[in-house]
Amino acid sequence: MKLRECAEVTQGVFTNRIETSKLNEDSFQVQLVTLKEFNHLLGIDYRISQEKDRSIYVKKEKLTPTVLTDTESLVLHTLTQKVVWFPPEYRRLLLTNNFVKIKFSMEADVHFMEWLFNEHPSIQKQIALFTEGSIIASLKLSNVKEIELVIPPIEKQRKIGRIAQLKKKKSALLKEKDTLEQALLHQQLVKIIDQ
């Protein structure tokens, strides 16, 4: 089935179109989804040390659930063509135009779906075919909606989703172990020189 048949797929907003002054009485300050959070959830290091202000003021009526992160949806970054699930601590972040929210209308395990989009060869092949742009490769919303999915029963989704979560956790722990070993080795080398 096509993604549009089993999910609501929504493009994030252009911030310059909805941003307002904090002086407006019906404006709210909202945090934006940035690549820093996105990459962190993917388990990728984010190398930009200085980040600009990641919040803007928006009128209340512009803050619809379709453009805010939640724990029942996935978020696709159109430039990296990767998908992540946002845990509860990242709820209600505003999605900008480089992000697409995928909210399933059927019973679906978000961890399985995250794995399916990021790692299944047939999905990766479709994404590669749909990616456009000679300088900056990007996915268009209309193409995202046309991605063909083969969705197993929910029990199988949950099993695969759990395995995918454990795999992700193991990878993060191995990365942390490597970082700690490197720091210890560095400290020992410095100690040897100072003796």
N, C-alpha and C. Protein backbone atom coordinates (compact mmCIF):
# COMPACT_ATOMS: atom_id res chain seq x y z
N MET A 1 0.83 -1.19 0.00
CA MET A 1 0.00 0.00 0.00
C MET A 1 0.87 1.24 0.00
N LYS A 2 0.35 2.32 -0.53
CA LYS A 2 1.09 3.58 -0.55
C LYS A 2 0.98 4.27 0.81
N LEU A 3 1.99 5.05 1.16
CA LEU A 3 2.02 5.72 2.45
C LEU A 3 0.78 6.59 2.64
N ARG A 4 0.35 7.29 1.59
CA ARG A 4 -0.82 8.18 1.70
C ARG A 4 -2.10 7.43 2.06
N GLU A 5 -2.12 6.12 1.83
CA GLU A 5 -3.30 5.31 2.13
C GLU A 5 -3.36 4.88 3.60
N CYS A 6 -2.24 4.96 4.29
CA CYS A 6 -2.22 4.51 5.69
C CYS A 6 -1.71 5.55 6.67
N ALA A 7 -1.43 6.77 6.17
CA ALA A 7 -0.90 7.81 7.05
C ALA A 7 -1.24 9.20 6.55
N GLU A 8 -1.31 10.13 7.49
CA GLU A 8 -1.43 11.55 7.15
C GLU A 8 0.00 12.07 7.05
N VAL A 9 0.35 12.62 5.90
CA VAL A 9 1.72 13.08 5.65
C VAL A 9 1.67 14.60 5.49
N THR A 10 2.33 15.33 6.40
CA THR A 10 2.23 16.79 6.44
C THR A 10 3.61 17.44 6.41
N GLN A 11 3.77 18.43 5.55
CA GLN A 11 5.02 19.21 5.47
C GLN A 11 5.06 20.20 6.64
N GLY A 12 6.25 20.43 7.17
CA GLY A 12 6.42 21.44 8.20
C GLY A 12 6.18 22.84 7.63
N VAL A 13 6.25 23.84 8.49
CA VAL A 13 5.90 25.21 8.10
C VAL A 13 7.14 26.03 7.73
N PHE A 14 6.91 27.06 6.92
CA PHE A 14 7.93 28.06 6.64
C PHE A 14 7.86 29.06 7.79
N THR A 15 8.90 29.13 8.60
CA THR A 15 8.84 29.97 9.80
C THR A 15 8.63 31.45 9.48
N ASN A 16 9.18 31.91 8.35
CA ASN A 16 9.01 33.33 8.02
C ASN A 16 7.56 33.68 7.70
N ARG A 17 6.73 32.68 7.41
CA ARG A 17 5.30 32.92 7.12
C ARG A 17 4.44 32.95 8.37
N ILE A 18 4.89 32.29 9.44
CA ILE A 18 4.05 32.24 10.65
C ILE A 18 4.63 32.97 11.86
N GLU A 19 5.90 33.38 11.76
CA GLU A 19 6.53 34.04 12.91
C GLU A 19 5.88 35.40 13.15
N THR A 20 5.70 35.71 14.43
CA THR A 20 5.11 36.98 14.83
C THR A 20 5.96 37.58 15.94
N SER A 21 5.59 38.74 16.39
CA SER A 21 6.33 39.42 17.46
C SER A 21 5.91 38.88 18.81
N LYS A 22 6.85 38.87 19.74
CA LYS A 22 6.50 38.43 21.10
C LYS A 22 5.60 39.45 21.78
N LEU A 23 5.48 40.63 21.18
CA LEU A 23 4.62 41.67 21.75
C LEU A 23 3.14 41.40 21.48
N ASN A 24 2.83 40.58 20.49
CA ASN A 24 1.43 40.22 20.23
C ASN A 24 0.90 39.43 21.42
N GLU A 25 -0.26 39.81 21.90
CA GLU A 25 -0.79 39.17 23.11
C GLU A 25 -1.20 37.71 22.90
N ASP A 26 -1.53 37.33 21.67
CA ASP A 26 -1.91 35.93 21.43
C ASP A 26 -0.78 35.10 20.84
N SER A 27 0.47 35.55 21.04
CA SER A 27 1.61 34.79 20.52
C SER A 27 2.21 33.90 21.61
N PHE A 28 2.74 32.76 21.16
CA PHE A 28 3.38 31.81 22.06
C PHE A 28 4.79 31.54 21.56
N GLN A 29 5.71 31.36 22.51
CA GLN A 29 7.06 30.98 22.13
C GLN A 29 7.08 29.48 21.95
N VAL A 30 7.63 29.04 20.83
CA VAL A 30 7.69 27.61 20.53
C VAL A 30 9.09 27.25 20.06
N GLN A 31 9.54 26.07 20.48
CA GLN A 31 10.86 25.58 20.09
C GLN A 31 10.77 24.91 18.73
N LEU A 32 11.78 25.09 17.90
CA LEU A 32 11.83 24.49 16.57
C LEU A 32 12.58 23.16 16.61
N VAL A 33 12.19 22.24 15.76
CA VAL A 33 12.99 21.02 15.56
C VAL A 33 14.23 21.45 14.78
N THR A 34 15.39 21.05 15.26
CA THR A 34 16.63 21.36 14.54
C THR A 34 17.35 20.05 14.23
N LEU A 35 18.36 20.15 13.40
CA LEU A 35 19.16 18.96 13.08
C LEU A 35 19.89 18.42 14.30
N LYS A 36 20.11 19.28 15.29
CA LYS A 36 20.78 18.84 16.51
C LYS A 36 19.97 17.72 17.19
N GLU A 37 18.68 17.97 17.43
CA GLU A 37 17.82 16.94 18.03
C GLU A 37 17.65 15.75 17.09
N PHE A 38 17.42 16.06 15.84
CA PHE A 38 17.18 15.02 14.85
C PHE A 38 18.36 14.05 14.77
N ASN A 39 19.57 14.59 14.64
CA ASN A 39 20.76 13.75 14.55
C ASN A 39 21.02 13.01 15.86
N HIS A 40 20.75 13.67 16.99
CA HIS A 40 20.92 13.01 18.28
C HIS A 40 20.04 11.76 18.36
N LEU A 41 18.78 11.89 17.91
CA LEU A 41 17.86 10.75 17.94
C LEU A 41 18.26 9.66 16.95
N LEU A 42 18.95 10.04 15.89
CA LEU A 42 19.47 9.06 14.92
C LEU A 42 20.76 8.41 15.41
N GLY A 43 21.38 9.01 16.42
CA GLY A 43 22.65 8.50 16.93
C GLY A 43 23.84 9.03 16.15
N ILE A 44 23.66 10.19 15.50
CA ILE A 44 24.72 10.81 14.70
C ILE A 44 25.23 12.05 15.44
N ASP A 45 26.55 12.23 15.45
CA ASP A 45 27.12 13.42 16.07
C ASP A 45 26.73 14.66 15.29
N TYR A 46 26.45 15.73 16.04
CA TYR A 46 26.12 17.02 15.43
C TYR A 46 27.31 17.92 15.66
N ARG A 47 27.97 18.34 14.59
CA ARG A 47 29.27 18.99 14.71
C ARG A 47 29.24 20.51 14.81
N ILE A 48 28.09 21.12 14.56
CA ILE A 48 28.05 22.59 14.64
C ILE A 48 27.97 22.99 16.10
N SER A 49 28.98 23.72 16.57
CA SER A 49 29.04 24.05 17.99
C SER A 49 28.15 25.23 18.35
N GLN A 50 28.05 26.21 17.49
CA GLN A 50 27.23 27.38 17.78
C GLN A 50 25.93 27.25 17.00
N GLU A 51 24.84 27.25 17.74
CA GLU A 51 23.54 27.14 17.09
C GLU A 51 22.76 28.42 17.34
N LYS A 52 22.07 28.89 16.30
CA LYS A 52 21.27 30.10 16.46
C LYS A 52 20.05 29.80 17.32
N ASP A 53 19.37 30.86 17.74
CA ASP A 53 18.18 30.71 18.57
C ASP A 53 17.20 29.76 17.90
N ARG A 54 16.74 28.78 18.63
CA ARG A 54 15.87 27.78 18.05
C ARG A 54 14.43 27.92 18.51
N SER A 55 14.01 29.14 18.83
CA SER A 55 12.62 29.37 19.19
C SER A 55 12.10 30.60 18.47
N ILE A 56 10.80 30.60 18.22
CA ILE A 56 10.15 31.75 17.59
C ILE A 56 8.80 31.97 18.28
N TYR A 57 8.22 33.12 18.02
CA TYR A 57 6.88 33.42 18.52
C TYR A 57 5.88 33.21 17.39
N VAL A 58 4.80 32.52 17.71
CA VAL A 58 3.79 32.16 16.72
C VAL A 58 2.41 32.41 17.33
N LYS A 59 1.46 32.84 16.48
CA LYS A 59 0.09 33.00 16.96
C LYS A 59 -0.48 31.62 17.29
N LYS A 60 -1.30 31.59 18.34
CA LYS A 60 -1.84 30.32 18.85
C LYS A 60 -2.54 29.51 17.76
N GLU A 61 -3.32 30.15 16.88
CA GLU A 61 -4.08 29.40 15.87
C GLU A 61 -3.19 28.71 14.84
N LYS A 62 -1.91 29.13 14.73
CA LYS A 62 -0.98 28.50 13.79
C LYS A 62 -0.36 27.22 14.36
N LEU A 63 -0.49 27.02 15.68
CA LEU A 63 0.12 25.86 16.34
C LEU A 63 -0.84 24.67 16.33
N THR A 64 -1.04 24.10 15.17
CA THR A 64 -1.92 22.93 15.05
C THR A 64 -1.12 21.66 15.32
N PRO A 65 -1.77 20.61 15.79
CA PRO A 65 -1.06 19.35 16.06
C PRO A 65 -0.32 18.79 14.85
N THR A 66 -0.78 19.09 13.64
CA THR A 66 -0.14 18.53 12.44
C THR A 66 1.28 19.06 12.22
N VAL A 67 1.63 20.19 12.82
CA VAL A 67 2.98 20.74 12.62
C VAL A 67 3.83 20.67 13.89
N LEU A 68 3.35 19.92 14.89
CA LEU A 68 4.09 19.75 16.14
C LEU A 68 4.46 18.28 16.32
N THR A 69 5.62 18.03 16.91
CA THR A 69 6.03 16.64 17.15
C THR A 69 5.17 16.01 18.24
N ASP A 70 5.02 14.70 18.15
CA ASP A 70 4.33 13.93 19.18
C ASP A 70 4.92 12.52 19.20
N THR A 71 4.46 11.71 20.13
CA THR A 71 5.04 10.37 20.29
C THR A 71 4.36 9.31 19.42
N GLU A 72 3.31 9.68 18.70
CA GLU A 72 2.60 8.72 17.84
C GLU A 72 3.00 8.83 16.38
N SER A 73 3.89 9.75 16.06
CA SER A 73 4.24 10.01 14.66
C SER A 73 5.73 9.84 14.43
N LEU A 74 6.08 9.84 13.15
CA LEU A 74 7.48 9.86 12.74
C LEU A 74 7.75 11.19 12.04
N VAL A 75 9.00 11.57 12.01
CA VAL A 75 9.40 12.80 11.32
C VAL A 75 10.50 12.46 10.32
N LEU A 76 10.27 12.87 9.08
CA LEU A 76 11.23 12.65 8.00
C LEU A 76 11.93 13.97 7.69
N HIS A 77 13.25 13.93 7.60
CA HIS A 77 14.02 15.11 7.16
C HIS A 77 14.21 14.97 5.66
N THR A 78 13.71 15.93 4.90
CA THR A 78 13.69 15.81 3.44
C THR A 78 15.08 15.87 2.81
N LEU A 79 16.05 16.44 3.52
CA LEU A 79 17.40 16.55 2.95
C LEU A 79 18.26 15.32 3.24
N THR A 80 18.13 14.76 4.44
CA THR A 80 18.91 13.55 4.77
C THR A 80 18.16 12.28 4.41
N GLN A 81 16.87 12.41 4.14
CA GLN A 81 15.99 11.29 3.81
C GLN A 81 15.96 10.24 4.93
N LYS A 82 16.10 10.68 6.16
CA LYS A 82 16.04 9.79 7.32
C LYS A 82 14.79 10.11 8.13
N VAL A 83 14.33 9.10 8.88
CA VAL A 83 13.12 9.21 9.68
C VAL A 83 13.47 8.96 11.14
N VAL A 84 12.86 9.72 12.06
CA VAL A 84 13.04 9.46 13.49
C VAL A 84 11.70 9.53 14.22
N TRP A 85 11.68 8.84 15.35
CA TRP A 85 10.58 8.91 16.30
C TRP A 85 11.04 9.83 17.42
N PHE A 86 10.19 10.79 17.79
CA PHE A 86 10.53 11.73 18.85
C PHE A 86 9.95 11.24 20.18
N PRO A 87 10.80 10.94 21.18
CA PRO A 87 10.32 10.50 22.49
C PRO A 87 9.62 11.65 23.23
N PRO A 88 8.95 11.34 24.37
CA PRO A 88 8.15 12.34 25.08
C PRO A 88 8.87 13.65 25.41
N GLU A 89 10.16 13.58 25.70
CA GLU A 89 10.88 14.82 26.07
C GLU A 89 11.03 15.79 24.89
N TYR A 90 10.76 15.33 23.69
CA TYR A 90 10.83 16.19 22.50
C TYR A 90 9.45 16.50 21.92
N ARG A 91 8.40 16.37 22.72
CA ARG A 91 7.04 16.65 22.24
C ARG A 91 6.82 18.14 22.04
N ARG A 92 5.93 18.46 21.11
CA ARG A 92 5.46 19.83 20.84
C ARG A 92 6.54 20.77 20.30
N LEU A 93 7.50 20.21 19.56
CA LEU A 93 8.46 21.04 18.84
C LEU A 93 7.84 21.35 17.48
N LEU A 94 8.10 22.56 16.97
CA LEU A 94 7.53 22.98 15.69
C LEU A 94 8.36 22.44 14.54
N LEU A 95 7.69 21.80 13.60
CA LEU A 95 8.36 21.25 12.42
C LEU A 95 8.49 22.33 11.35
N THR A 96 9.70 22.55 10.88
CA THR A 96 9.92 23.53 9.82
C THR A 96 9.81 22.84 8.46
N ASN A 97 9.91 23.61 7.39
CA ASN A 97 9.64 23.10 6.04
C ASN A 97 10.56 21.99 5.55
N ASN A 98 11.68 21.75 6.19
CA ASN A 98 12.57 20.65 5.79
C ASN A 98 12.16 19.32 6.42
N PHE A 99 11.08 19.34 7.19
CA PHE A 99 10.62 18.14 7.88
C PHE A 99 9.21 17.78 7.42
N VAL A 100 8.92 16.48 7.43
CA VAL A 100 7.60 15.97 7.09
C VAL A 100 7.15 15.07 8.24
N LYS A 101 5.92 15.30 8.70
CA LYS A 101 5.36 14.48 9.77
C LYS A 101 4.52 13.36 9.17
N ILE A 102 4.74 12.15 9.68
CA ILE A 102 4.00 10.97 9.21
C ILE A 102 3.22 10.42 10.39
N LYS A 103 1.90 10.59 10.34
CA LYS A 103 1.03 10.09 11.41
C LYS A 103 0.15 8.98 10.83
N PHE A 104 0.33 7.77 11.33
CA PHE A 104 -0.36 6.61 10.79
C PHE A 104 -1.82 6.59 11.19
N SER A 105 -2.68 6.28 10.23
CA SER A 105 -4.12 6.21 10.46
C SER A 105 -4.56 4.78 10.80
N MET A 106 -3.64 3.87 10.73
CA MET A 106 -3.88 2.47 11.08
C MET A 106 -3.00 2.12 12.28
N GLU A 107 -3.26 0.98 12.90
CA GLU A 107 -2.42 0.55 14.02
C GLU A 107 -1.03 0.23 13.48
N ALA A 108 -0.03 0.94 14.00
CA ALA A 108 1.34 0.75 13.53
C ALA A 108 2.31 0.96 14.69
N ASP A 109 3.37 0.19 14.69
CA ASP A 109 4.43 0.35 15.69
C ASP A 109 5.44 1.36 15.14
N VAL A 110 5.57 2.51 15.80
CA VAL A 110 6.43 3.58 15.28
C VAL A 110 7.90 3.18 15.21
N HIS A 111 8.33 2.29 16.11
CA HIS A 111 9.73 1.87 16.09
C HIS A 111 10.00 0.96 14.89
N PHE A 112 9.03 0.11 14.58
CA PHE A 112 9.14 -0.71 13.38
C PHE A 112 9.16 0.18 12.14
N MET A 113 8.23 1.15 12.09
CA MET A 113 8.13 2.03 10.92
C MET A 113 9.41 2.86 10.75
N GLU A 114 9.99 3.29 11.86
CA GLU A 114 11.26 4.03 11.79
C GLU A 114 12.34 3.15 11.16
N TRP A 115 12.42 1.90 11.63
CA TRP A 115 13.39 0.95 11.06
C TRP A 115 13.10 0.70 9.58
N LEU A 116 11.83 0.50 9.24
CA LEU A 116 11.42 0.21 7.87
C LEU A 116 11.89 1.32 6.93
N PHE A 117 11.62 2.58 7.30
CA PHE A 117 12.01 3.71 6.44
C PHE A 117 13.52 3.88 6.34
N ASN A 118 14.22 3.68 7.45
CA ASN A 118 15.66 3.96 7.47
C ASN A 118 16.53 2.81 6.97
N GLU A 119 16.01 1.58 7.05
CA GLU A 119 16.91 0.45 6.78
C GLU A 119 16.42 -0.58 5.77
N HIS A 120 15.14 -0.63 5.48
CA HIS A 120 14.66 -1.67 4.56
C HIS A 120 15.08 -1.33 3.13
N PRO A 121 15.70 -2.28 2.43
CA PRO A 121 16.22 -2.02 1.08
C PRO A 121 15.18 -1.51 0.08
N SER A 122 13.96 -2.03 0.12
CA SER A 122 12.97 -1.59 -0.87
C SER A 122 12.56 -0.13 -0.65
N ILE A 123 12.46 0.27 0.63
CA ILE A 123 12.11 1.67 0.94
C ILE A 123 13.29 2.58 0.55
N GLN A 124 14.50 2.14 0.89
CA GLN A 124 15.68 2.94 0.56
C GLN A 124 15.81 3.15 -0.95
N LYS A 125 15.49 2.11 -1.71
CA LYS A 125 15.55 2.21 -3.17
C LYS A 125 14.52 3.22 -3.69
N GLN A 126 13.30 3.17 -3.14
CA GLN A 126 12.26 4.13 -3.54
C GLN A 126 12.66 5.56 -3.20
N ILE A 127 13.19 5.74 -2.00
CA ILE A 127 13.62 7.08 -1.57
C ILE A 127 14.71 7.59 -2.50
N ALA A 128 15.66 6.73 -2.85
CA ALA A 128 16.74 7.14 -3.76
C ALA A 128 16.18 7.56 -5.11
N LEU A 129 15.19 6.83 -5.61
CA LEU A 129 14.57 7.17 -6.90
C LEU A 129 13.79 8.49 -6.83
N PHE A 130 13.15 8.74 -5.69
CA PHE A 130 12.34 9.95 -5.53
C PHE A 130 13.16 11.19 -5.21
N THR A 131 14.39 11.01 -4.75
CA THR A 131 15.21 12.15 -4.33
C THR A 131 15.60 12.98 -5.54
N GLU A 132 15.34 14.29 -5.43
CA GLU A 132 15.60 15.21 -6.54
C GLU A 132 16.57 16.30 -6.11
N GLY A 133 17.21 16.88 -7.10
CA GLY A 133 18.09 18.01 -6.85
C GLY A 133 19.50 17.70 -7.29
N SER A 134 20.09 18.63 -8.03
CA SER A 134 21.44 18.39 -8.51
C SER A 134 22.48 18.81 -7.50
N ILE A 135 22.18 19.83 -6.70
CA ILE A 135 23.15 20.30 -5.71
C ILE A 135 22.77 19.77 -4.32
N ILE A 136 21.54 20.02 -3.91
CA ILE A 136 21.07 19.52 -2.62
C ILE A 136 19.92 18.54 -2.90
N ALA A 137 20.17 17.28 -2.63
CA ALA A 137 19.14 16.25 -2.87
C ALA A 137 18.04 16.40 -1.84
N SER A 138 16.79 16.39 -2.29
CA SER A 138 15.66 16.57 -1.40
C SER A 138 14.48 15.72 -1.85
N LEU A 139 13.66 15.33 -0.87
CA LEU A 139 12.43 14.59 -1.15
C LEU A 139 11.26 15.55 -1.17
N LYS A 140 10.39 15.42 -2.17
CA LYS A 140 9.19 16.25 -2.22
C LYS A 140 8.06 15.53 -1.48
N LEU A 141 7.17 16.31 -0.89
CA LEU A 141 6.04 15.76 -0.14
C LEU A 141 5.22 14.81 -1.00
N SER A 142 4.95 15.18 -2.24
CA SER A 142 4.15 14.34 -3.13
C SER A 142 4.81 12.98 -3.34
N ASN A 143 6.13 12.94 -3.40
CA ASN A 143 6.85 11.67 -3.57
C ASN A 143 6.82 10.82 -2.30
N VAL A 144 6.94 11.48 -1.15
CA VAL A 144 6.90 10.76 0.13
C VAL A 144 5.58 10.00 0.24
N LYS A 145 4.49 10.65 -0.15
CA LYS A 145 3.16 10.03 -0.07
C LYS A 145 3.04 8.80 -0.97
N GLU A 146 3.87 8.71 -1.99
CA GLU A 146 3.79 7.60 -2.95
C GLU A 146 4.66 6.40 -2.59
N ILE A 147 5.39 6.47 -1.50
CA ILE A 147 6.24 5.35 -1.09
C ILE A 147 5.37 4.13 -0.83
N GLU A 148 5.76 3.02 -1.46
CA GLU A 148 5.03 1.74 -1.32
C GLU A 148 5.55 0.99 -0.09
N LEU A 149 4.61 0.57 0.76
CA LEU A 149 4.96 -0.15 1.98
C LEU A 149 4.33 -1.54 1.97
N VAL A 150 5.05 -2.50 2.50
CA VAL A 150 4.47 -3.82 2.80
C VAL A 150 4.50 -3.90 4.32
N ILE A 151 3.32 -3.86 4.92
CA ILE A 151 3.23 -3.78 6.38
C ILE A 151 2.77 -5.11 6.96
N PRO A 152 3.63 -5.73 7.79
CA PRO A 152 3.26 -7.00 8.41
C PRO A 152 2.23 -6.79 9.54
N PRO A 153 1.67 -7.87 10.08
CA PRO A 153 0.74 -7.76 11.22
C PRO A 153 1.40 -7.04 12.39
N ILE A 154 0.58 -6.42 13.23
CA ILE A 154 1.09 -5.58 14.32
C ILE A 154 2.00 -6.35 15.28
N GLU A 155 1.73 -7.62 15.53
CA GLU A 155 2.59 -8.40 16.45
C GLU A 155 4.02 -8.49 15.91
N LYS A 156 4.12 -8.73 14.61
CA LYS A 156 5.44 -8.82 13.97
C LYS A 156 6.12 -7.44 13.98
N GLN A 157 5.33 -6.39 13.74
CA GLN A 157 5.88 -5.02 13.79
C GLN A 157 6.48 -4.74 15.16
N ARG A 158 5.74 -5.12 16.21
CA ARG A 158 6.23 -4.86 17.58
C ARG A 158 7.53 -5.59 17.87
N LYS A 159 7.63 -6.84 17.41
CA LYS A 159 8.86 -7.62 17.63
C LYS A 159 10.04 -6.96 16.91
N ILE A 160 9.85 -6.65 15.65
CA ILE A 160 10.92 -6.02 14.87
C ILE A 160 11.25 -4.64 15.44
N GLY A 161 10.22 -3.89 15.84
CA GLY A 161 10.42 -2.57 16.43
C GLY A 161 11.25 -2.65 17.70
N ARG A 162 10.97 -3.65 18.54
CA ARG A 162 11.72 -3.84 19.79
C ARG A 162 13.18 -4.19 19.49
N ILE A 163 13.39 -5.07 18.53
CA ILE A 163 14.76 -5.44 18.14
C ILE A 163 15.50 -4.21 17.61
N ALA A 164 14.82 -3.40 16.79
CA ALA A 164 15.43 -2.19 16.24
C ALA A 164 15.81 -1.21 17.35
N GLN A 165 14.94 -1.09 18.37
CA GLN A 165 15.25 -0.21 19.51
C GLN A 165 16.48 -0.72 20.26
N LEU A 166 16.54 -2.03 20.50
CA LEU A 166 17.68 -2.61 21.22
C LEU A 166 18.97 -2.45 20.42
N LYS A 167 18.87 -2.61 19.11
CA LYS A 167 20.03 -2.42 18.23
C LYS A 167 20.54 -0.97 18.33
N LYS A 168 19.60 -0.03 18.32
CA LYS A 168 19.96 1.39 18.42
C LYS A 168 20.62 1.69 19.77
N LYS A 169 20.04 1.12 20.84
CA LYS A 169 20.59 1.33 22.18
C LYS A 169 21.99 0.73 22.29
N LYS A 170 22.18 -0.47 21.74
CA LYS A 170 23.49 -1.12 21.76
C LYS A 170 24.51 -0.25 21.04
N SER A 171 24.14 0.27 19.88
CA SER A 171 25.03 1.13 19.10
C SER A 171 25.43 2.38 19.90
N ALA A 172 24.45 2.98 20.59
CA ALA A 172 24.73 4.18 21.40
C ALA A 172 25.66 3.84 22.55
N LEU A 173 25.45 2.69 23.19
CA LEU A 173 26.31 2.28 24.30
C LEU A 173 27.73 1.97 23.82
N LEU A 174 27.86 1.34 22.65
CA LEU A 174 29.20 1.07 22.10
C LEU A 174 29.92 2.37 21.77
N LYS A 175 29.18 3.35 21.26
CA LYS A 175 29.77 4.65 20.95
C LYS A 175 30.24 5.35 22.23
N GLU A 176 29.41 5.26 23.28
CA GLU A 176 29.77 5.86 24.57
C GLU A 176 31.00 5.16 25.16
N LYS A 177 31.04 3.83 25.06
CA LYS A 177 32.19 3.06 25.55
C LYS A 177 33.46 3.49 24.83
N ASP A 178 33.38 3.63 23.50
CA ASP A 178 34.53 4.06 22.71
C ASP A 178 35.01 5.45 23.13
N THR A 179 34.06 6.36 23.35
CA THR A 179 34.40 7.73 23.78
C THR A 179 35.12 7.70 25.13
N LEU A 180 34.60 6.90 26.07
CA LEU A 180 35.22 6.79 27.40
C LEU A 180 36.61 6.16 27.33
N GLU A 181 36.77 5.14 26.49
CA GLU A 181 38.09 4.51 26.31
C GLU A 181 39.08 5.49 25.72
N GLN A 182 38.65 6.28 24.75
CA GLN A 182 39.53 7.28 24.14
C GLN A 182 39.95 8.33 25.17
N ALA A 183 39.00 8.76 26.01
CA ALA A 183 39.31 9.76 27.05
C ALA A 183 40.29 9.19 28.07
N LEU A 184 40.09 7.93 28.46
CA LEU A 184 41.00 7.28 29.41
C LEU A 184 42.39 7.14 28.81
N LEU A 185 42.48 6.70 27.57
CA LEU A 185 43.76 6.56 26.89
C LEU A 185 44.47 7.90 26.79
N HIS A 186 43.74 8.94 26.45
CA HIS A 186 44.30 10.30 26.36
C HIS A 186 44.85 10.73 27.72
N GLN A 187 44.07 10.49 28.78
CA GLN A 187 44.49 10.86 30.13
C GLN A 187 45.76 10.11 30.53
N GLN A 188 45.83 8.82 30.19
CA GLN A 188 47.04 8.02 30.53
C GLN A 188 48.26 8.51 29.77
N LEU A 189 48.09 8.87 28.50
CA LEU A 189 49.21 9.39 27.72
C LEU A 189 49.72 10.70 28.28
N VAL A 190 48.80 11.57 28.66
CA VAL A 190 49.20 12.87 29.26
C VAL A 190 49.94 12.61 30.57
N LYS A 191 49.46 11.65 31.36
CA LYS A 191 50.09 11.32 32.64
C LYS A 191 51.52 10.80 32.43
N ILE A 192 51.73 9.98 31.39
CA ILE A 192 53.05 9.44 31.09
C ILE A 192 54.02 10.58 30.75
N ILE A 193 53.54 11.53 29.94
CA ILE A 193 54.40 12.66 29.55
C ILE A 193 54.76 13.51 30.76
N ASP A 194 53.81 13.71 31.68
CA ASP A 194 54.02 14.57 32.83
C ASP A 194 54.90 13.93 33.91
N GLN A 195 55.20 12.64 33.80
CA GLN A 195 56.03 11.98 34.82
C GLN A 195 57.48 12.26 34.62
